[in-house]
Amino acid sequence: MYGLIGSMIAVEGKRDELIKVLLEGVSGMPGCLSYVVAKDPKDTNGIWITEVWDSKESHAASLKLPSVQGAIAKGKPLIAKFGAYNETEPIGGHGLHKPDR
């Protein structure tokens, strides 16, 4: 499995709008096992995104989907900057099922 954990800072006062855009673009992404968007309680404009994919290739392919491309275009003006970003190797956990291979 392949994971990403990253943060971004929304333009002042646009966090809820950006979250809505991020969540609209996530349906129908083949290979996506988990996509969680969370508010940063320490920063009124901060957002954390945690993703788990069956493979790094599935994640890369998702970036070419029309729904994801549309979300990127719609969300870009709402992003002030990107924060921390880390790749991970998910092993499992509550609510996460390893893909059959």
C-alpha atoms as a PDB file:
ATOM      1  CA  MET A   1       0.000   0.000   0.000  1.00  0.00           C
ATOM      2  CA  TYR A   2       0.982   3.623  -0.470  1.00  0.00           C
ATOM      3  CA  GLY A   3       0.094   6.517   1.835  1.00  0.00           C
ATOM      4  CA  LEU A   4       0.319  10.270   1.952  1.00  0.00           C
ATOM      5  CA  ILE A   5      -0.147  12.637   4.853  1.00  0.00           C
ATOM      6  CA  GLY A   6      -0.052  16.317   4.042  1.00  0.00           C
ATOM      7  CA  SER A   7      -1.238  19.702   5.139  1.00  0.00           C
ATOM      8  CA  MET A   8      -2.277  22.856   3.401  1.00  0.00           C
ATOM      9  CA  ILE A   9      -3.287  26.310   4.462  1.00  0.00           C
ATOM     10  CA  ALA A  10      -6.415  27.779   2.943  1.00  0.00           C
ATOM     11  CA  VAL A  11      -6.737  31.403   1.951  1.00  0.00           C
ATOM     12  CA  GLU A  12      -8.014  33.338   4.982  1.00  0.00           C
ATOM     13  CA  GLY A  13     -11.652  32.426   5.630  1.00  0.00           C
ATOM     14  CA  LYS A  14     -11.836  29.876   2.780  1.00  0.00           C
ATOM     15  CA  ARG A  15     -11.062  26.653   4.673  1.00  0.00           C
ATOM     16  CA  ASP A  16     -14.619  25.269   4.615  1.00  0.00           C
ATOM     17  CA  GLU A  17     -14.938  26.061   0.908  1.00  0.00           C
ATOM     18  CA  LEU A  18     -11.632  24.314   0.178  1.00  0.00           C
ATOM     19  CA  ILE A  19     -12.646  21.279   2.236  1.00  0.00           C
ATOM     20  CA  LYS A  20     -15.868  21.041   0.246  1.00  0.00           C
ATOM     21  CA  VAL A  21     -13.888  21.064  -3.021  1.00  0.00           C
ATOM     22  CA  LEU A  22     -11.460  18.415  -1.713  1.00  0.00           C
ATOM     23  CA  LEU A  23     -14.304  16.116  -0.699  1.00  0.00           C
ATOM     24  CA  GLU A  24     -16.265  16.576  -3.936  1.00  0.00           C
ATOM     25  CA  GLY A  25     -13.383  15.282  -6.037  1.00  0.00           C
ATOM     26  CA  VAL A  26     -12.736  12.024  -4.179  1.00  0.00           C
ATOM     27  CA  SER A  27     -15.465   9.686  -5.386  1.00  0.00           C
ATOM     28  CA  GLY A  28     -14.656   7.087  -7.986  1.00  0.00           C
ATOM     29  CA  MET A  29     -10.876   7.053  -7.563  1.00  0.00           C
ATOM     30  CA  PRO A  30      -9.770   3.491  -8.389  1.00  0.00           C
ATOM     31  CA  GLY A  31      -7.317   2.137  -5.845  1.00  0.00           C
ATOM     32  CA  CYS A  32      -8.153   4.702  -3.151  1.00  0.00           C
ATOM     33  CA  LEU A  33      -8.683   2.836   0.116  1.00  0.00           C
ATOM     34  CA  SER A  34      -9.013   5.891   2.348  1.00  0.00           C
ATOM     35  CA  TYR A  35      -9.136   9.663   1.859  1.00  0.00           C
ATOM     36  CA  VAL A  36      -9.673  11.716   4.995  1.00  0.00           C
ATOM     37  CA  VAL A  37      -9.800  15.507   5.165  1.00  0.00           C
ATOM     38  CA  ALA A  38      -9.521  17.054   8.630  1.00  0.00           C
ATOM     39  CA  LYS A  39      -9.523  20.564  10.070  1.00  0.00           C
ATOM     40  CA  ASP A  40      -6.407  21.555  11.981  1.00  0.00           C
ATOM     41  CA  PRO A  41      -7.693  22.607  15.420  1.00  0.00           C
ATOM     42  CA  LYS A  42      -4.584  24.771  15.980  1.00  0.00           C
ATOM     43  CA  ASP A  43      -4.932  26.788  12.754  1.00  0.00           C
ATOM     44  CA  THR A  44      -8.255  28.221  11.573  1.00  0.00           C
ATOM     45  CA  ASN A  45      -7.076  27.923   7.958  1.00  0.00           C
ATOM     46  CA  GLY A  46      -5.202  24.606   8.282  1.00  0.00           C
ATOM     47  CA  ILE A  47      -6.239  21.312   6.702  1.00  0.00           C
ATOM     48  CA  TRP A  48      -4.716  17.818   6.974  1.00  0.00           C
ATOM     49  CA  ILE A  49      -5.273  15.166   4.309  1.00  0.00           C
ATOM     50  CA  THR A  50      -4.534  11.492   4.912  1.00  0.00           C
ATOM     51  CA  GLU A  51      -4.673   9.116   1.950  1.00  0.00           C
ATOM     52  CA  VAL A  52      -4.190   5.368   1.560  1.00  0.00           C
ATOM     53  CA  TRP A  53      -3.908   3.773  -1.873  1.00  0.00           C
ATOM     54  CA  ASP A  54      -3.438   0.223  -3.062  1.00  0.00           C
ATOM     55  CA  SER A  55      -0.299   1.426  -4.892  1.00  0.00           C
ATOM     56  CA  LYS A  56       1.716   4.514  -5.757  1.00  0.00           C
ATOM     57  CA  GLU A  57       0.680   3.973  -9.383  1.00  0.00           C
ATOM     58  CA  SER A  58      -3.024   4.208  -8.496  1.00  0.00           C
ATOM     59  CA  HIS A  59      -2.383   7.523  -6.780  1.00  0.00           C
ATOM     60  CA  ALA A  60      -0.504   8.860  -9.817  1.00  0.00           C
ATOM     61  CA  ALA A  61      -3.299   7.691 -12.139  1.00  0.00           C
ATOM     62  CA  SER A  62      -5.910   9.449  -9.985  1.00  0.00           C
ATOM     63  CA  LEU A  63      -4.317  12.802 -10.723  1.00  0.00           C
ATOM     64  CA  LYS A  64      -5.343  12.376 -14.368  1.00  0.00           C
ATOM     65  CA  LEU A  65      -9.041  11.722 -13.647  1.00  0.00           C
ATOM     66  CA  PRO A  66     -11.373  14.494 -14.881  1.00  0.00           C
ATOM     67  CA  SER A  67     -13.024  14.770 -11.443  1.00  0.00           C
ATOM     68  CA  VAL A  68      -9.651  15.219  -9.741  1.00  0.00           C
ATOM     69  CA  GLN A  69      -8.420  17.653 -12.407  1.00  0.00           C
ATOM     70  CA  GLY A  70     -11.598  19.681 -11.882  1.00  0.00           C
ATOM     71  CA  ALA A  71     -11.138  19.695  -8.110  1.00  0.00           C
ATOM     72  CA  ILE A  72      -7.523  20.831  -8.508  1.00  0.00           C
ATOM     73  CA  ALA A  73      -8.550  23.699 -10.788  1.00  0.00           C
ATOM     74  CA  LYS A  74     -11.383  24.730  -8.479  1.00  0.00           C
ATOM     75  CA  GLY A  75      -9.297  24.415  -5.313  1.00  0.00           C
ATOM     76  CA  LYS A  76      -6.063  26.127  -6.406  1.00  0.00           C
ATOM     77  CA  PRO A  77      -7.306  29.702  -5.829  1.00  0.00           C
ATOM     78  CA  LEU A  78      -8.397  28.697  -2.303  1.00  0.00           C
ATOM     79  CA  ILE A  79      -4.937  27.440  -1.245  1.00  0.00           C
ATOM     80  CA  ALA A  80      -2.565  29.931   0.381  1.00  0.00           C
ATOM     81  CA  LYS A  81       0.289  27.422   0.720  1.00  0.00           C
ATOM     82  CA  PHE A  82       1.180  23.795   1.212  1.00  0.00           C
ATOM     83  CA  GLY A  83       2.613  22.559   4.487  1.00  0.00           C
ATOM     84  CA  ALA A  84       4.182  19.304   5.616  1.00  0.00           C
ATOM     85  CA  TYR A  85       3.995  16.355   3.244  1.00  0.00           C
ATOM     86  CA  ASN A  86       5.077  12.778   3.889  1.00  0.00           C
ATOM     87  CA  GLU A  87       4.806   9.500   2.019  1.00  0.00           C
ATOM     88  CA  THR A  88       4.051   6.440   4.143  1.00  0.00           C
ATOM     89  CA  GLU A  89       3.720   2.660   3.816  1.00  0.00           C
ATOM     90  CA  PRO A  90       0.389   1.809   5.471  1.00  0.00           C
ATOM     91  CA  ILE A  91       0.275  -1.617   7.089  1.00  0.00           C
ATOM     92  CA  GLY A  92      -3.341  -1.733   8.280  1.00  0.00           C
ATOM     93  CA  GLY A  93      -5.606  -0.463  10.990  1.00  0.00           C
ATOM     94  CA  HIS A  94      -9.200  -0.035  12.013  1.00  0.00           C
ATOM     95  CA  GLY A  95     -11.380   0.558   8.970  1.00  0.00           C
ATOM     96  CA  LEU A  96      -8.588  -0.141   6.511  1.00  0.00           C
ATOM     97  CA  HIS A  97      -8.556  -3.413   4.650  1.00  0.00           C
ATOM     98  CA  LYS A  98      -5.495  -4.556   2.752  1.00  0.00           C
ATOM     99  CA  PRO A  99      -6.235  -5.094  -0.926  1.00  0.00           C
ATOM    100  CA  ASP A 100      -6.204  -8.696  -2.104  1.00  0.00           C
ATOM    101  CA  ARG A 101      -3.156  -9.344  -4.274  1.00  0.00           C
END
